[in-house]
Amino acid sequence: VGMMLMDQFDFVDRLELNPSRIRNFLEKVEDGYDAANPYHNSTHGADVTHRFATLVNLSRLREWAIGDWELLAALIAALLHDYLHPGTN
């Protein structure tokens, strides 16, 4: 989901990001989610991130309220929101 959104929002070109570094970063993020965790796993992180991106698109938020760097930061926050979550609340 992370790489798909990087492509969808054209961040690599618009923000002059290194695609290899982005890919490595996203792999590290996925590694930080425990597949054995029944809820706070990488699927949940991807779902939250995708839902946020959908809301940004449907609301046209980029047209009136948020720039590329802010959107990238928000998407990274969504990806990381349960990073290393131990599975207990």
Protein backbone atom coordinates (compact mmCIF):
# COMPACT_ATOMS: atom_id res chain seq x y z
CA VAL A 1 0.00 0.00 0.00
CA GLY A 2 2.83 2.39 0.84
CA MET A 3 4.51 2.11 -2.56
CA MET A 4 1.16 2.26 -4.34
CA LEU A 5 0.39 5.55 -2.57
CA MET A 6 3.87 6.91 -3.31
CA ASP A 7 3.08 6.28 -6.98
CA GLN A 8 -0.49 7.52 -6.80
CA PHE A 9 0.54 10.85 -5.28
CA ASP A 10 3.71 11.00 -7.44
CA PHE A 11 5.85 11.76 -4.39
CA VAL A 12 9.10 10.38 -5.85
CA ASP A 13 9.09 12.94 -8.67
CA ARG A 14 7.27 15.82 -6.97
CA LEU A 15 9.43 15.68 -3.82
CA GLU A 16 12.57 14.31 -5.48
CA LEU A 17 12.67 11.24 -3.24
CA ASN A 18 14.94 8.25 -3.70
CA PRO A 19 12.71 5.26 -4.60
CA SER A 20 15.17 2.72 -3.14
CA ARG A 21 15.22 4.53 0.20
CA ILE A 22 11.43 4.76 0.22
CA ARG A 23 11.13 1.04 -0.50
CA ASN A 24 13.67 0.19 2.24
CA PHE A 25 11.86 2.43 4.71
CA LEU A 26 8.50 0.84 3.94
CA GLU A 27 9.98 -2.65 4.32
CA LYS A 28 11.33 -1.67 7.76
CA VAL A 29 7.90 -0.36 8.72
CA GLU A 30 6.26 -3.62 7.68
CA ASP A 31 8.88 -5.57 9.65
CA GLY A 32 7.83 -3.61 12.75
CA TYR A 33 4.33 -5.07 12.63
CA ASP A 34 3.95 -8.52 14.19
CA ALA A 35 2.07 -10.90 11.88
CA ALA A 36 1.01 -12.93 14.93
CA ASN A 37 -0.76 -9.89 16.39
CA PRO A 38 -4.45 -10.53 15.65
CA TYR A 39 -5.37 -6.87 15.09
CA HIS A 40 -2.42 -4.47 15.27
CA ASN A 41 -0.60 -6.04 12.32
CA SER A 42 0.59 -4.78 8.93
CA THR A 43 -2.82 -5.39 7.36
CA HIS A 44 -4.36 -2.99 9.88
CA GLY A 45 -1.62 -0.41 9.22
CA ALA A 46 -2.19 -0.68 5.48
CA ASP A 47 -5.97 -0.44 5.93
CA VAL A 48 -5.76 2.72 8.06
CA THR A 49 -3.34 4.30 5.59
CA HIS A 50 -5.48 3.41 2.58
CA ARG A 51 -8.64 4.72 4.26
CA PHE A 52 -6.90 7.99 5.08
CA ALA A 53 -5.71 8.36 1.48
CA THR A 54 -9.24 7.67 0.25
CA LEU A 55 -10.62 10.41 2.52
CA VAL A 56 -7.97 12.82 1.23
CA ASN A 57 -8.96 12.02 -2.35
CA LEU A 58 -12.72 12.13 -1.82
CA SER A 59 -12.57 15.39 0.14
CA ARG A 60 -10.16 16.96 -2.37
CA LEU A 61 -8.12 18.02 0.64
CA ARG A 62 -5.00 18.46 -1.49
CA GLU A 63 -6.70 21.17 -3.50
CA TRP A 64 -7.41 23.49 -0.59
CA ALA A 65 -5.70 22.48 2.62
CA ILE A 66 -2.69 20.21 2.43
CA GLY A 67 0.58 20.20 0.50
CA ASP A 68 2.74 17.31 -0.64
CA TRP A 69 5.04 17.29 2.39
CA GLU A 70 2.11 17.44 4.82
CA LEU A 71 0.32 14.64 3.02
CA LEU A 72 3.47 12.49 2.99
CA ALA A 73 3.91 13.10 6.74
CA ALA A 74 0.28 12.17 7.42
CA LEU A 75 0.53 8.98 5.35
CA ILE A 76 3.72 7.98 7.17
CA ALA A 77 1.97 8.66 10.48
CA ALA A 78 -0.89 6.40 9.39
CA LEU A 79 1.55 3.67 8.38
CA LEU A 80 3.39 3.93 11.70
CA HIS A 81 0.44 4.40 14.03
CA ASP A 82 0.71 0.87 15.48
CA TYR A 83 4.40 0.22 14.72
CA LEU A 84 5.84 -2.22 17.31
CA HIS A 85 2.43 -2.44 19.01
CA PRO A 86 2.63 -5.27 21.55
CA GLY A 87 -0.96 -6.36 20.95
CA THR A 88 -2.31 -5.31 24.33
CA ASN A 89 -4.24 -2.16 25.14
